[in-house]
C-alpha cells in the first residue's frame, strides 16, 4: 500500500535530516523526527468540528421535487386550486393566519366600540 500523507512527510523530513546534515548525530535526528511528528499530528488535529454547518451543508435538496408539485397544472393565483395551497400541509398555516387576522379584527372592533361608548374603563 502506498504511504499515507503523514508517513510521506515523516520520510521526507527524515531523509532531509540525513542528506542535508550528515554530521548530525542520532539523538539530534530523533529530535528532528519527533518535532516533525508533533507538527504533523497537531496540523491534522486542527480540523474543526462543524456540527450544524455540516448538517446544513449535507441536507438533502428537495427543491426540484417541490417545484414539480408547485408547477403541476400551471400556476394559479386566484383560481380553484391556487399555487400556495398545492403542497400537503399548506392549509395549516393558512388556518393559523386566518385565525390571527380574525382575532385582530374582532379585537379592533371591540376596541372601537369601547372607545365610542366609554365602556371598559379602568376606573
PDB file of N, CA and C in Angstrom:
ATOM      1  N   UNK A   1       0.848  -1.187   0.000  1.00  0.00           N
ATOM      2  CA  UNK A   1       0.000   0.000   0.000  1.00  0.00           C
ATOM      3  C   UNK A   1       0.885   1.238   0.000  1.00  0.00           C
ATOM      4  N   UNK A   2       0.478   2.271  -0.716  1.00  0.00           N
ATOM      5  CA  UNK A   2       1.284   3.500  -0.739  1.00  0.00           C
ATOM      6  C   UNK A   2       1.253   4.175   0.636  1.00  0.00           C
ATOM      7  N   UNK A   3       2.313   4.905   0.960  1.00  0.00           N
ATOM      8  CA  UNK A   3       2.352   5.567   2.274  1.00  0.00           C
ATOM      9  C   UNK A   3       1.305   6.678   2.354  1.00  0.00           C
ATOM     10  N   UNK A   4       0.822   6.894   3.555  1.00  0.00           N
ATOM     11  CA  UNK A   4      -0.131   7.981   3.762  1.00  0.00           C
ATOM     12  C   UNK A   4       0.599   9.317   3.700  1.00  0.00           C
ATOM     13  N   UNK A   5      -0.147  10.387   3.709  1.00  0.00           N
ATOM     14  CA  UNK A   5       0.454  11.722   3.644  1.00  0.00           C
ATOM     15  C   UNK A   5       1.341  11.957   4.865  1.00  0.00           C
ATOM     16  N   UNK A   6       0.866  11.524   6.006  1.00  0.00           N
ATOM     17  CA  UNK A   6       1.638  11.699   7.236  1.00  0.00           C
ATOM     18  C   UNK A   6       2.954  10.931   7.153  1.00  0.00           C
ATOM     19  N   UNK A   7       2.898   9.671   6.725  1.00  0.00           N
ATOM     20  CA  UNK A   7       4.112   8.867   6.597  1.00  0.00           C
ATOM     21  C   UNK A   7       5.051   9.464   5.560  1.00  0.00           C
ATOM     22  N   UNK A   8       4.488   9.991   4.479  1.00  0.00           N
ATOM     23  CA  UNK A   8       5.292  10.600   3.424  1.00  0.00           C
ATOM     24  C   UNK A   8       6.042  11.813   3.955  1.00  0.00           C
ATOM     25  N   UNK A   9       5.378  12.660   4.735  1.00  0.00           N
ATOM     26  CA  UNK A   9       6.029  13.844   5.307  1.00  0.00           C
ATOM     27  C   UNK A   9       7.138  13.440   6.268  1.00  0.00           C
ATOM     28  N   UNK A  10       6.889  12.409   7.065  1.00  0.00           N
ATOM     29  CA  UNK A  10       7.906  11.952   8.009  1.00  0.00           C
ATOM     30  C   UNK A  10       9.121  11.433   7.247  1.00  0.00           C
ATOM     31  N   UNK A  11       8.893  10.656   6.190  1.00  0.00           N
ATOM     32  CA  UNK A  11      10.008  10.140   5.395  1.00  0.00           C
ATOM     33  C   UNK A  11      10.804  11.265   4.743  1.00  0.00           C
ATOM     34  N   UNK A  12      10.096  12.282   4.244  1.00  0.00           N
ATOM     35  CA  UNK A  12      10.794  13.412   3.629  1.00  0.00           C
ATOM     36  C   UNK A  12      11.660  14.145   4.646  1.00  0.00           C
ATOM     37  N   UNK A  13      11.108  14.413   5.824  1.00  0.00           N
ATOM     38  CA  UNK A  13      11.879  15.114   6.844  1.00  0.00           C
ATOM     39  C   UNK A  13      13.054  14.270   7.326  1.00  0.00           C
ATOM     40  N   UNK A  14      12.861  12.974   7.445  1.00  0.00           N
ATOM     41  CA  UNK A  14      13.936  12.088   7.885  1.00  0.00           C
ATOM     42  C   UNK A  14      15.052  12.057   6.845  1.00  0.00           C
ATOM     43  N   UNK A  15      14.678  11.915   5.565  1.00  0.00           N
ATOM     44  CA  UNK A  15      15.706  11.892   4.523  1.00  0.00           C
ATOM     45  C   UNK A  15      16.392  13.241   4.402  1.00  0.00           C
ATOM     46  N   UNK A  16      15.654  14.342   4.648  1.00  0.00           N
ATOM     47  CA  UNK A  16      16.244  15.680   4.625  1.00  0.00           C
ATOM     48  C   UNK A  16      17.283  15.815   5.729  1.00  0.00           C
ATOM     49  N   UNK A  17      16.957  15.312   6.927  1.00  0.00           N
ATOM     50  CA  UNK A  17      17.894  15.441   8.043  1.00  0.00           C
ATOM     51  C   UNK A  17      19.150  14.597   7.804  1.00  0.00           C
ATOM     52  N   UNK A  18      19.024  13.480   7.105  1.00  0.00           N
ATOM     53  CA  UNK A  18      20.192  12.637   6.831  1.00  0.00           C
ATOM     54  C   UNK A  18      21.039  13.248   5.714  1.00  0.00           C
ATOM     55  N   UNK A  19      20.382  13.683   4.628  1.00  0.00           N
ATOM     56  CA  UNK A  19      21.121  14.182   3.463  1.00  0.00           C
ATOM     57  C   UNK A  19      21.661  15.593   3.670  1.00  0.00           C
ATOM     58  N   UNK A  20      20.921  16.421   4.341  1.00  0.00           N
ATOM     59  CA  UNK A  20      21.310  17.824   4.497  1.00  0.00           C
ATOM     60  C   UNK A  20      22.410  17.976   5.549  1.00  0.00           C
ATOM     61  N   UNK A  21      22.269  17.263   6.629  1.00  0.00           N
ATOM     62  CA  UNK A  21      23.189  17.424   7.750  1.00  0.00           C
ATOM     63  C   UNK A  21      23.807  16.067   8.103  1.00  0.00           C
ATOM     64  N   UNK A  22      24.833  15.639   7.365  1.00  0.00           N
ATOM     65  CA  UNK A  22      25.401  14.324   7.649  1.00  0.00           C
ATOM     66  C   UNK A  22      26.128  14.253   8.991  1.00  0.00           C
ATOM     67  N   UNK A  23      26.522  15.401   9.542  1.00  0.00           N
ATOM     68  CA  UNK A  23      27.239  15.401  10.811  1.00  0.00           C
ATOM     69  C   UNK A  23      26.295  15.307  12.011  1.00  0.00           C
ATOM     70  N   UNK A  24      25.005  15.311  11.755  1.00  0.00           N
ATOM     71  CA  UNK A  24      24.023  15.258  12.832  1.00  0.00           C
ATOM     72  C   UNK A  24      24.067  13.883  13.496  1.00  0.00           C
ATOM     73  N   UNK A  25      24.130  13.858  14.809  1.00  0.00           N
ATOM     74  CA  UNK A  25      24.177  12.562  15.484  1.00  0.00           C
ATOM     75  C   UNK A  25      22.765  11.979  15.598  1.00  0.00           C
ATOM     76  N   UNK A  26      22.661  10.767  16.066  1.00  0.00           N
ATOM     77  CA  UNK A  26      21.369  10.075  16.089  1.00  0.00           C
ATOM     78  C   UNK A  26      20.376  10.729  17.040  1.00  0.00           C
ATOM     79  N   UNK A  27      20.846  11.321  18.135  1.00  0.00           N
ATOM     80  CA  UNK A  27      19.928  11.990  19.071  1.00  0.00           C
ATOM     81  C   UNK A  27      19.302  13.208  18.418  1.00  0.00           C
ATOM     82  N   UNK A  28      20.099  13.973  17.689  1.00  0.00           N
ATOM     83  CA  UNK A  28      19.573  15.155  17.003  1.00  0.00           C
ATOM     84  C   UNK A  28      18.578  14.743  15.921  1.00  0.00           C
ATOM     85  N   UNK A  29      18.901  13.660  15.193  1.00  0.00           N
ATOM     86  CA  UNK A  29      17.973  13.182  14.167  1.00  0.00           C
ATOM     87  C   UNK A  29      16.643  12.774  14.777  1.00  0.00           C
ATOM     88  N   UNK A  30      16.697  12.057  15.900  1.00  0.00           N
ATOM     89  CA  UNK A  30      15.464  11.631  16.565  1.00  0.00           C
ATOM     90  C   UNK A  30      14.649  12.824  17.026  1.00  0.00           C
ATOM     91  N   UNK A  31      15.330  13.863  17.500  1.00  0.00           N
ATOM     92  CA  UNK A  31      14.583  15.042  17.949  1.00  0.00           C
ATOM     93  C   UNK A  31      13.942  15.764  16.764  1.00  0.00           C
ATOM     94  N   UNK A  32      14.630  15.775  15.611  1.00  0.00           N
ATOM     95  CA  UNK A  32      14.047  16.393  14.408  1.00  0.00           C
ATOM     96  C   UNK A  32      12.815  15.609  13.969  1.00  0.00           C
ATOM     97  N   UNK A  33      12.923  14.293  13.952  1.00  0.00           N
ATOM     98  CA  UNK A  33      11.792  13.464  13.539  1.00  0.00           C
ATOM     99  C   UNK A  33      10.647  13.586  14.543  1.00  0.00           C
ATOM    100  N   UNK A  34      10.957  13.647  15.838  1.00  0.00           N
ATOM    101  CA  UNK A  34       9.905  13.801  16.853  1.00  0.00           C
ATOM    102  C   UNK A  34       9.202  15.147  16.697  1.00  0.00           C
ATOM    103  N   UNK A  35       9.983  16.192  16.432  1.00  0.00           N
ATOM    104  CA  UNK A  35       9.378  17.517  16.222  1.00  0.00           C
ATOM    105  C   UNK A  35       8.502  17.509  14.978  1.00  0.00           C
ATOM    106  N   UNK A  36       8.952  16.826  13.929  1.00  0.00           N
ATOM    107  CA  UNK A  36       8.147  16.729  12.709  1.00  0.00           C
ATOM    108  C   UNK A  36       6.856  15.972  12.977  1.00  0.00           C
ATOM    109  N   UNK A  37       6.948  14.899  13.768  1.00  0.00           N
ATOM    110  CA  UNK A  37       5.747  14.141  14.115  1.00  0.00           C
ATOM    111  C   UNK A  37       4.751  15.001  14.886  1.00  0.00           C
ATOM    112  N   UNK A  38       5.253  15.773  15.841  1.00  0.00           N
ATOM    113  CA  UNK A  38       4.365  16.650  16.618  1.00  0.00           C
ATOM    114  C   UNK A  38       3.703  17.686  15.721  1.00  0.00           C
ATOM    115  N   UNK A  39       4.477  18.245  14.809  1.00  0.00           N
ATOM    116  CA  UNK A  39       3.937  19.261  13.901  1.00  0.00           C
ATOM    117  C   UNK A  39       2.869  18.660  12.996  1.00  0.00           C
ATOM    118  N   UNK A  40       3.156  17.501  12.449  1.00  0.00           N
ATOM    119  CA  UNK A  40       2.191  16.854  11.548  1.00  0.00           C
ATOM    120  C   UNK A  40       0.945  16.447  12.317  1.00  0.00           C
ATOM    121  N   UNK A  41       1.114  15.913  13.522  1.00  0.00           N
ATOM    122  CA  UNK A  41      -0.026  15.476  14.323  1.00  0.00           C
ATOM    123  C   UNK A  41      -0.911  16.668  14.701  1.00  0.00           C
ATOM    124  N   UNK A  42      -0.266  17.779  15.110  1.00  0.00           N
ATOM    125  CA  UNK A  42      -1.070  18.930  15.526  1.00  0.00           C
ATOM    126  C   UNK A  42      -1.784  19.558  14.338  1.00  0.00           C
ATOM    127  N   UNK A  43      -1.149  19.521  13.148  1.00  0.00           N
ATOM    128  CA  UNK A  43      -1.818  20.118  11.986  1.00  0.00           C
ATOM    129  C   UNK A  43      -2.979  19.256  11.520  1.00  0.00           C
ATOM    130  N   UNK A  44      -2.888  17.945  11.725  1.00  0.00           N
ATOM    131  CA  UNK A  44      -4.000  17.089  11.304  1.00  0.00           C
ATOM    132  C   UNK A  44      -5.149  17.134  12.308  1.00  0.00           C
ATOM    133  N   UNK A  45      -4.883  17.545  13.542  1.00  0.00           N
ATOM    134  CA  UNK A  45      -5.937  17.615  14.548  1.00  0.00           C
ATOM    135  C   UNK A  45      -6.605  18.979  14.589  1.00  0.00           C
ATOM    136  N   UNK A  46      -6.215  19.893  13.740  1.00  0.00           N
ATOM    137  CA  UNK A  46      -6.814  21.228  13.717  1.00  0.00           C
ATOM    138  C   UNK A  46      -8.136  21.268  12.971  1.00  0.00           C
ATOM    139  N   UNK A  47      -8.567  20.155  12.438  1.00  0.00           N
ATOM    140  CA  UNK A  47      -9.830  20.089  11.712  1.00  0.00           C
ATOM    141  C   UNK A  47     -10.977  20.488  12.633  1.00  0.00           C
ATOM    142  N   UNK A  48     -11.765  21.454  12.205  1.00  0.00           N
ATOM    143  CA  UNK A  48     -12.876  21.929  13.024  1.00  0.00           C
ATOM    144  C   UNK A  48     -14.019  20.929  13.009  1.00  0.00           C
ATOM    145  N   UNK A  49     -14.705  20.865  14.126  1.00  0.00           N
ATOM    146  CA  UNK A  49     -15.933  20.083  14.177  1.00  0.00           C
ATOM    147  C   UNK A  49     -17.072  21.057  13.947  1.00  0.00           C
ATOM    148  N   UNK A  50     -17.711  20.948  12.802  1.00  0.00           N
ATOM    149  CA  UNK A  50     -18.749  21.894  12.408  1.00  0.00           C
ATOM    150  C   UNK A  50     -20.075  21.155  12.332  1.00  0.00           C
ATOM    151  N   UNK A  51     -20.653  20.829  13.470  1.00  0.00           N
ATOM    152  CA  UNK A  51     -21.851  20.011  13.522  1.00  0.00           C
ATOM    153  C   UNK A  51     -23.015  20.565  12.731  1.00  0.00           C
ATOM    154  N   UNK A  52     -23.491  21.746  13.106  1.00  0.00           N
ATOM    155  CA  UNK A  52     -24.680  22.310  12.457  1.00  0.00           C
ATOM    156  C   UNK A  52     -24.370  22.711  11.018  1.00  0.00           C
ATOM    157  N   UNK A  53     -23.154  23.204  10.768  1.00  0.00           N
ATOM    158  CA  UNK A  53     -22.799  23.621   9.414  1.00  0.00           C
ATOM    159  C   UNK A  53     -22.744  22.419   8.484  1.00  0.00           C
ATOM    160  N   UNK A  54     -22.112  21.326   8.946  1.00  0.00           N
ATOM    161  CA  UNK A  54     -22.069  20.118   8.124  1.00  0.00           C
ATOM    162  C   UNK A  54     -23.471  19.557   7.896  1.00  0.00           C
ATOM    163  N   UNK A  55     -24.300  19.610   8.922  1.00  0.00           N
ATOM    164  CA  UNK A  55     -25.669  19.102   8.776  1.00  0.00           C
ATOM    165  C   UNK A  55     -26.428  19.919   7.739  1.00  0.00           C
ATOM    166  N   UNK A  56     -26.283  21.248   7.795  1.00  0.00           N
ATOM    167  CA  UNK A  56     -26.981  22.098   6.826  1.00  0.00           C
ATOM    168  C   UNK A  56     -26.398  21.939   5.420  1.00  0.00           C
ATOM    169  N   UNK A  57     -25.085  21.764   5.333  1.00  0.00           N
ATOM    170  CA  UNK A  57     -24.451  21.609   4.027  1.00  0.00           C
ATOM    171  C   UNK A  57     -24.854  20.303   3.364  1.00  0.00           C
ATOM    172  N   UNK A  58     -24.965  19.246   4.135  1.00  0.00           N
ATOM    173  CA  UNK A  58     -25.283  17.929   3.580  1.00  0.00           C
ATOM    174  C   UNK A  58     -26.779  17.620   3.608  1.00  0.00           C
ATOM    175  N   UNK A  59     -27.620  18.606   3.926  1.00  0.00           N
ATOM    176  CA  UNK A  59     -29.062  18.396   3.976  1.00  0.00           C
ATOM    177  C   UNK A  59     -29.577  18.082   2.569  1.00  0.00           C
ATOM    178  N   UNK A  60     -30.459  17.096   2.421  1.00  0.00           N
ATOM    179  CA  UNK A  60     -30.914  16.727   1.071  1.00  0.00           C
ATOM    180  C   UNK A  60     -31.685  17.858   0.396  1.00  0.00           C
ATOM    181  N   UNK A  61     -31.431  18.024  -0.883  1.00  0.00           N
ATOM    182  CA  UNK A  61     -32.042  19.095  -1.666  1.00  0.00           C
ATOM    183  C   UNK A  61     -33.354  18.595  -2.255  1.00  0.00           C
ATOM    184  N   UNK A  62     -34.456  19.216  -1.876  1.00  0.00           N
ATOM    185  CA  UNK A  62     -35.776  18.803  -2.351  1.00  0.00           C
ATOM    186  C   UNK A  62     -36.435  19.891  -3.192  1.00  0.00           C
ATOM    187  N   UNK A  63     -35.640  20.794  -3.734  1.00  0.00           N
ATOM    188  CA  UNK A  63     -36.197  21.920  -4.478  1.00  0.00           C
ATOM    189  C   UNK A  63     -36.914  21.454  -5.740  1.00  0.00           C
ATOM    190  N   UNK A  64     -36.296  20.586  -6.499  1.00  0.00           N
ATOM    191  CA  UNK A  64     -36.919  20.152  -7.757  1.00  0.00           C
ATOM    192  C   UNK A  64     -38.183  19.328  -7.496  1.00  0.00           C
ATOM    193  N   UNK A  65     -38.172  18.549  -6.419  1.00  0.00           N
ATOM    194  CA  UNK A  65     -39.369  17.775  -6.052  1.00  0.00           C
ATOM    195  C   UNK A  65     -40.523  18.717  -5.703  1.00  0.00           C
ATOM    196  N   UNK A  66     -40.227  19.751  -4.949  1.00  0.00           N
ATOM    197  CA  UNK A  66     -41.248  20.739  -4.584  1.00  0.00           C
ATOM    198  C   UNK A  66     -41.692  21.529  -5.802  1.00  0.00           C
ATOM    199  N   UNK A  67     -40.746  21.831  -6.685  1.00  0.00           N
ATOM    200  CA  UNK A  67     -41.074  22.598  -7.886  1.00  0.00           C
ATOM    201  C   UNK A  67     -42.053  21.830  -8.773  1.00  0.00           C
ATOM    202  N   UNK A  68     -41.883  20.511  -8.865  1.00  0.00           N
ATOM    203  CA  UNK A  68     -42.808  19.703  -9.668  1.00  0.00           C
ATOM    204  C   UNK A  68     -44.228  19.796  -9.119  1.00  0.00           C
ATOM    205  N   UNK A  69     -44.352  19.769  -7.771  1.00  0.00           N
ATOM    206  CA  UNK A  69     -45.678  19.874  -7.152  1.00  0.00           C
ATOM    207  C   UNK A  69     -46.277  21.248  -7.429  1.00  0.00           C
ATOM    208  N   UNK A  70     -45.464  22.292  -7.297  1.00  0.00           N
ATOM    209  CA  UNK A  70     -45.966  23.651  -7.474  1.00  0.00           C
ATOM    210  C   UNK A  70     -46.362  23.937  -8.925  1.00  0.00           C
ATOM    211  N   UNK A  71     -45.612  23.398  -9.870  1.00  0.00           N
ATOM    212  CA  UNK A  71     -45.861  23.696 -11.277  1.00  0.00           C
ATOM    213  C   UNK A  71     -46.911  22.781 -11.901  1.00  0.00           C
ATOM    214  N   UNK A  72     -47.370  21.777 -11.174  1.00  0.00           N
ATOM    215  CA  UNK A  72     -48.357  20.842 -11.715  1.00  0.00           C
ATOM    216  C   UNK A  72     -49.656  21.582 -12.041  1.00  0.00           C
ATOM    217  N   UNK A  73     -50.067  21.508 -13.273  1.00  0.00           N
ATOM    218  CA  UNK A  73     -51.297  22.172 -13.692  1.00  0.00           C
ATOM    219  C   UNK A  73     -51.134  23.658 -13.904  1.00  0.00           C
ATOM    220  N   UNK A  74     -49.915  24.155 -13.949  1.00  0.00           N
ATOM    221  CA  UNK A  74     -49.675  25.586 -14.135  1.00  0.00           C
ATOM    222  C   UNK A  74     -49.772  26.324 -12.812  1.00  0.00           C
ATOM    223  N   UNK A  75     -49.433  27.594 -12.868  1.00  0.00           N
ATOM    224  CA  UNK A  75     -49.508  28.406 -11.652  1.00  0.00           C
ATOM    225  C   UNK A  75     -50.830  29.147 -11.644  1.00  0.00           C
ATOM    226  N   UNK A  76     -51.566  28.993 -10.570  1.00  0.00           N
ATOM    227  CA  UNK A  76     -52.865  29.643 -10.418  1.00  0.00           C
ATOM    228  C   UNK A  76     -52.829  30.476  -9.139  1.00  0.00           C
ATOM    229  N   UNK A  77     -53.256  31.711  -9.236  1.00  0.00           N
ATOM    230  CA  UNK A  77     -53.240  32.552  -8.049  1.00  0.00           C
ATOM    231  C   UNK A  77     -54.641  32.721  -7.471  1.00  0.00           C
ATOM    232  N   UNK A  78     -55.591  33.113  -8.271  1.00  0.00           N
ATOM    233  CA  UNK A  78     -56.922  33.371  -7.742  1.00  0.00           C
ATOM    234  C   UNK A  78     -57.955  32.380  -8.224  1.00  0.00           C
ATOM    235  N   UNK A  79     -57.532  31.198  -8.570  1.00  0.00           N
ATOM    236  CA  UNK A  79     -58.465  30.229  -9.126  1.00  0.00           C
ATOM    237  C   UNK A  79     -58.801  29.147  -8.116  1.00  0.00           C
ATOM    238  N   UNK A  80     -59.376  28.073  -8.620  1.00  0.00           N
ATOM    239  CA  UNK A  80     -59.887  26.995  -7.771  1.00  0.00           C
ATOM    240  C   UNK A  80     -58.775  26.296  -6.978  1.00  0.00           C
ATOM    241  N   UNK A  81     -57.637  26.033  -7.593  1.00  0.00           N
ATOM    242  CA  UNK A  81     -56.537  25.320  -6.951  1.00  0.00           C
ATOM    243  C   UNK A  81     -55.300  26.227  -6.954  1.00  0.00           C
ATOM    244  N   UNK A  82     -55.201  27.191  -6.021  1.00  0.00           N
ATOM    245  CA  UNK A  82     -54.081  28.143  -6.066  1.00  0.00           C
ATOM    246  C   UNK A  82     -52.746  27.468  -5.770  1.00  0.00           C
ATOM    247  N   UNK A  83     -51.690  28.068  -6.287  1.00  0.00           N
ATOM    248  CA  UNK A  83     -50.347  27.511  -6.129  1.00  0.00           C
ATOM    249  C   UNK A  83     -49.957  27.421  -4.665  1.00  0.00           C
ATOM    250  N   UNK A  84     -50.362  28.393  -3.863  1.00  0.00           N
ATOM    251  CA  UNK A  84     -49.947  28.424  -2.460  1.00  0.00           C
ATOM    252  C   UNK A  84     -50.717  27.437  -1.591  1.00  0.00           C
ATOM    253  N   UNK A  85     -51.598  26.626  -2.185  1.00  0.00           N
ATOM    254  CA  UNK A  85     -52.295  25.575  -1.441  1.00  0.00           C
ATOM    255  C   UNK A  85     -52.076  24.183  -2.046  1.00  0.00           C
ATOM    256  N   UNK A  86     -51.052  24.027  -2.886  1.00  0.00           N
ATOM    257  CA  UNK A  86     -50.854  22.752  -3.573  1.00  0.00           C
ATOM    258  C   UNK A  86     -50.109  21.723  -2.740  1.00  0.00           C
ATOM    259  N   UNK A  87     -49.230  22.147  -1.861  1.00  0.00           N
ATOM    260  CA  UNK A  87     -48.440  21.191  -1.094  1.00  0.00           C
ATOM    261  C   UNK A  87     -49.226  20.674   0.094  1.00  0.00           C
ATOM    262  N   UNK A  88     -48.945  19.430   0.507  1.00  0.00           N
ATOM    263  CA  UNK A  88     -49.614  18.934   1.711  1.00  0.00           C
ATOM    264  C   UNK A  88     -49.147  19.735   2.924  1.00  0.00           C
ATOM    265  N   UNK A  89     -50.085  20.112   3.758  1.00  0.00           N
ATOM    266  CA  UNK A  89     -49.748  20.897   4.941  1.00  0.00           C
ATOM    267  C   UNK A  89     -49.855  22.394   4.732  1.00  0.00           C
ATOM    268  N   UNK A  90     -50.224  22.847   3.531  1.00  0.00           N
ATOM    269  CA  UNK A  90     -50.361  24.285   3.286  1.00  0.00           C
ATOM    270  C   UNK A  90     -51.599  24.868   3.962  1.00  0.00           C
ATOM    271  N   UNK A  91     -52.595  24.051   4.247  1.00  0.00           N
ATOM    272  CA  UNK A  91     -53.834  24.559   4.845  1.00  0.00           C
ATOM    273  C   UNK A  91     -53.631  24.929   6.318  1.00  0.00           C
ATOM    274  N   UNK A  92     -52.686  24.298   7.004  1.00  0.00           N
ATOM    275  CA  UNK A  92     -52.473  24.576   8.429  1.00  0.00           C
ATOM    276  C   UNK A  92     -51.971  26.003   8.642  1.00  0.00           C
ATOM    277  N   UNK A  93     -50.911  26.463   7.937  1.00  0.00           N
ATOM    278  CA  UNK A  93     -50.509  27.861   8.111  1.00  0.00           C
ATOM    279  C   UNK A  93     -51.578  28.843   7.657  1.00  0.00           C
ATOM    280  N   UNK A  94     -52.348  28.463   6.643  1.00  0.00           N
ATOM    281  CA  UNK A  94     -53.436  29.333   6.185  1.00  0.00           C
ATOM    282  C   UNK A  94     -54.478  29.491   7.287  1.00  0.00           C
ATOM    283  N   UNK A  95     -54.850  28.384   7.934  1.00  0.00           N
ATOM    284  CA  UNK A  95     -55.839  28.453   9.013  1.00  0.00           C
ATOM    285  C   UNK A  95     -55.302  29.257  10.188  1.00  0.00           C
ATOM    286  N   UNK A  96     -54.028  29.071  10.530  1.00  0.00           N
ATOM    287  CA  UNK A  96     -53.421  29.814  11.640  1.00  0.00           C
ATOM    288  C   UNK A  96     -53.402  31.309  11.335  1.00  0.00           C
ATOM    289  N   UNK A  97     -53.012  31.663  10.109  1.00  0.00           N
ATOM    290  CA  UNK A  97     -53.007  33.078   9.710  1.00  0.00           C
ATOM    291  C   UNK A  97     -54.409  33.676   9.721  1.00  0.00           C
ATOM    292  N   UNK A  98     -55.392  32.920   9.236  1.00  0.00           N
ATOM    293  CA  UNK A  98     -56.776  33.407   9.237  1.00  0.00           C
ATOM    294  C   UNK A  98     -57.277  33.602  10.664  1.00  0.00           C
ATOM    295  N   UNK A  99     -56.881  32.691  11.558  1.00  0.00           N
ATOM    296  CA  UNK A  99     -57.261  32.815  12.961  1.00  0.00           C
ATOM    297  C   UNK A  99     -56.661  34.079  13.583  1.00  0.00           C
ATOM    298  N   UNK A 100     -55.392  34.349  13.304  1.00  0.00           N
ATOM    299  CA  UNK A 100     -54.751  35.557  13.833  1.00  0.00           C
ATOM    300  C   UNK A 100     -55.406  36.826  13.288  1.00  0.00           C
ATOM    301  N   UNK A 101     -55.675  36.838  11.991  1.00  0.00           N
ATOM    302  CA  UNK A 101     -56.313  38.015  11.386  1.00  0.00           C
ATOM    303  C   UNK A 101     -57.715  38.200  11.957  1.00  0.00           C
ATOM    304  N   UNK A 102     -58.454  37.106  12.114  1.00  0.00           N
ATOM    305  CA  UNK A 102     -59.796  37.199  12.688  1.00  0.00           C
ATOM    306  C   UNK A 102     -59.772  37.710  14.117  1.00  0.00           C
ATOM    307  N   UNK A 103     -58.824  37.225  14.926  1.00  0.00           N
ATOM    308  CA  UNK A 103     -58.703  37.699  16.307  1.00  0.00           C
ATOM    309  C   UNK A 103     -58.372  39.194  16.338  1.00  0.00           C
ATOM    310  N   UNK A 104     -57.466  39.615  15.474  1.00  0.00           N
ATOM    311  CA  UNK A 104     -57.121  41.034  15.421  1.00  0.00           C
ATOM    312  C   UNK A 104     -58.296  41.887  14.979  1.00  0.00           C
ATOM    313  N   UNK A 105     -59.054  41.415  14.004  1.00  0.00           N
ATOM    314  CA  UNK A 105     -60.223  42.149  13.504  1.00  0.00           C
ATOM    315  C   UNK A 105     -61.285  42.289  14.596  1.00  0.00           C
ATOM    316  N   UNK A 106     -61.578  41.196  15.306  1.00  0.00           N
ATOM    317  CA  UNK A 106     -62.572  41.245  16.385  1.00  0.00           C
ATOM    318  C   UNK A 106     -62.084  42.151  17.507  1.00  0.00           C
ATOM    319  N   UNK A 107     -60.791  42.071  17.868  1.00  0.00           N
ATOM    320  CA  UNK A 107     -60.248  42.931  18.924  1.00  0.00           C
ATOM    321  C   UNK A 107     -60.335  44.399  18.537  1.00  0.00           C
ATOM    322  N   UNK A 108     -60.078  44.713  17.278  1.00  0.00           N
ATOM    323  CA  UNK A 108     -60.180  46.095  16.818  1.00  0.00           C
ATOM    324  C   UNK A 108     -61.619  46.593  16.896  1.00  0.00           C
ATOM    325  N   UNK A 109     -62.575  45.763  16.516  1.00  0.00           N
ATOM    326  CA  UNK A 109     -63.985  46.169  16.584  1.00  0.00           C
ATOM    327  C   UNK A 109     -64.409  46.393  18.035  1.00  0.00           C
ATOM    328  N   UNK A 110     -64.009  45.479  18.925  1.00  0.00           N
ATOM    329  CA  UNK A 110     -64.347  45.634  20.340  1.00  0.00           C
ATOM    330  C   UNK A 110     -63.719  46.904  20.897  1.00  0.00           C
ATOM    331  N   UNK A 111     -62.471  47.182  20.538  1.00  0.00           N
ATOM    332  CA  UNK A 111     -61.801  48.394  20.993  1.00  0.00           C
ATOM    333  C   UNK A 111     -62.488  49.653  20.506  1.00  0.00           C
ATOM    334  N   UNK A 112     -62.906  49.673  19.243  1.00  0.00           N
ATOM    335  CA  UNK A 112     -63.622  50.837  18.707  1.00  0.00           C
ATOM    336  C   UNK A 112     -64.963  51.026  19.433  1.00  0.00           C
ATOM    337  N   UNK A 113     -65.633  49.936  19.686  1.00  0.00           N
ATOM    338  CA  UNK A 113     -66.915  50.021  20.390  1.00  0.00           C
ATOM    339  C   UNK A 113     -66.717  50.597  21.799  1.00  0.00           C
ATOM    340  N   UNK A 114     -65.712  50.102  22.500  1.00  0.00           N
ATOM    341  CA  UNK A 114     -65.465  50.600  23.863  1.00  0.00           C
ATOM    342  C   UNK A 114     -65.057  52.060  23.858  1.00  0.00           C
ATOM    343  N   UNK A 115     -64.281  52.488  22.868  1.00  0.00           N
ATOM    344  CA  UNK A 115     -63.921  53.902  22.781  1.00  0.00           C
ATOM    345  C   UNK A 115     -65.143  54.763  22.489  1.00  0.00           C
ATOM    346  N   UNK A 116     -66.032  54.288  21.628  1.00  0.00           N
ATOM    347  CA  UNK A 116     -67.204  55.063  21.227  1.00  0.00           C
ATOM    348  C   UNK A 116     -68.218  55.179  22.351  1.00  0.00           C
ATOM    349  N   UNK A 117     -68.362  54.129  23.178  1.00  0.00           N
ATOM    350  CA  UNK A 117     -69.389  54.137  24.214  1.00  0.00           C
ATOM    351  C   UNK A 117     -68.833  54.474  25.592  1.00  0.00           C
ATOM    352  N   UNK A 118     -67.510  54.484  25.750  1.00  0.00           N
ATOM    353  CA  UNK A 118     -66.921  54.771  27.050  1.00  0.00           C
ATOM    354  C   UNK A 118     -66.947  53.602  28.003  1.00  0.00           C
ATOM    355  N   UNK A 119     -67.213  52.425  27.543  1.00  0.00           N
ATOM    356  CA  UNK A 119     -67.249  51.241  28.395  1.00  0.00           C
ATOM    357  C   UNK A 119     -65.868  50.607  28.484  1.00  0.00           C
ATOM    358  N   UNK A 120     -65.617  49.855  29.573  1.00  0.00           N
ATOM    359  CA  UNK A 120     -64.362  49.134  29.741  1.00  0.00           C
ATOM    360  C   UNK A 120     -63.253  49.986  30.303  1.00  0.00           C
ATOM    361  N   UNK A 121     -63.593  51.129  30.928  1.00  0.00           N
ATOM    362  CA  UNK A 121     -62.565  51.958  31.542  1.00  0.00           C
ATOM    363  C   UNK A 121     -62.042  51.295  32.814  1.00  0.00           C
ATOM    364  N   UNK A 122     -60.831  51.636  33.199  1.00  0.00           N
ATOM    365  CA  UNK A 122     -60.246  51.044  34.400  1.00  0.00           C
ATOM    366  C   UNK A 122     -60.859  51.628  35.680  1.00  0.00           C
ATOM    367  N   UNK A 123     -61.208  52.915  35.699  1.00  0.00           N
ATOM    368  CA  UNK A 123     -61.756  53.496  36.945  1.00  0.00           C
ATOM    369  C   UNK A 123     -63.177  53.926  36.783  1.00  0.00           C
TER     370      UNK A 123
END
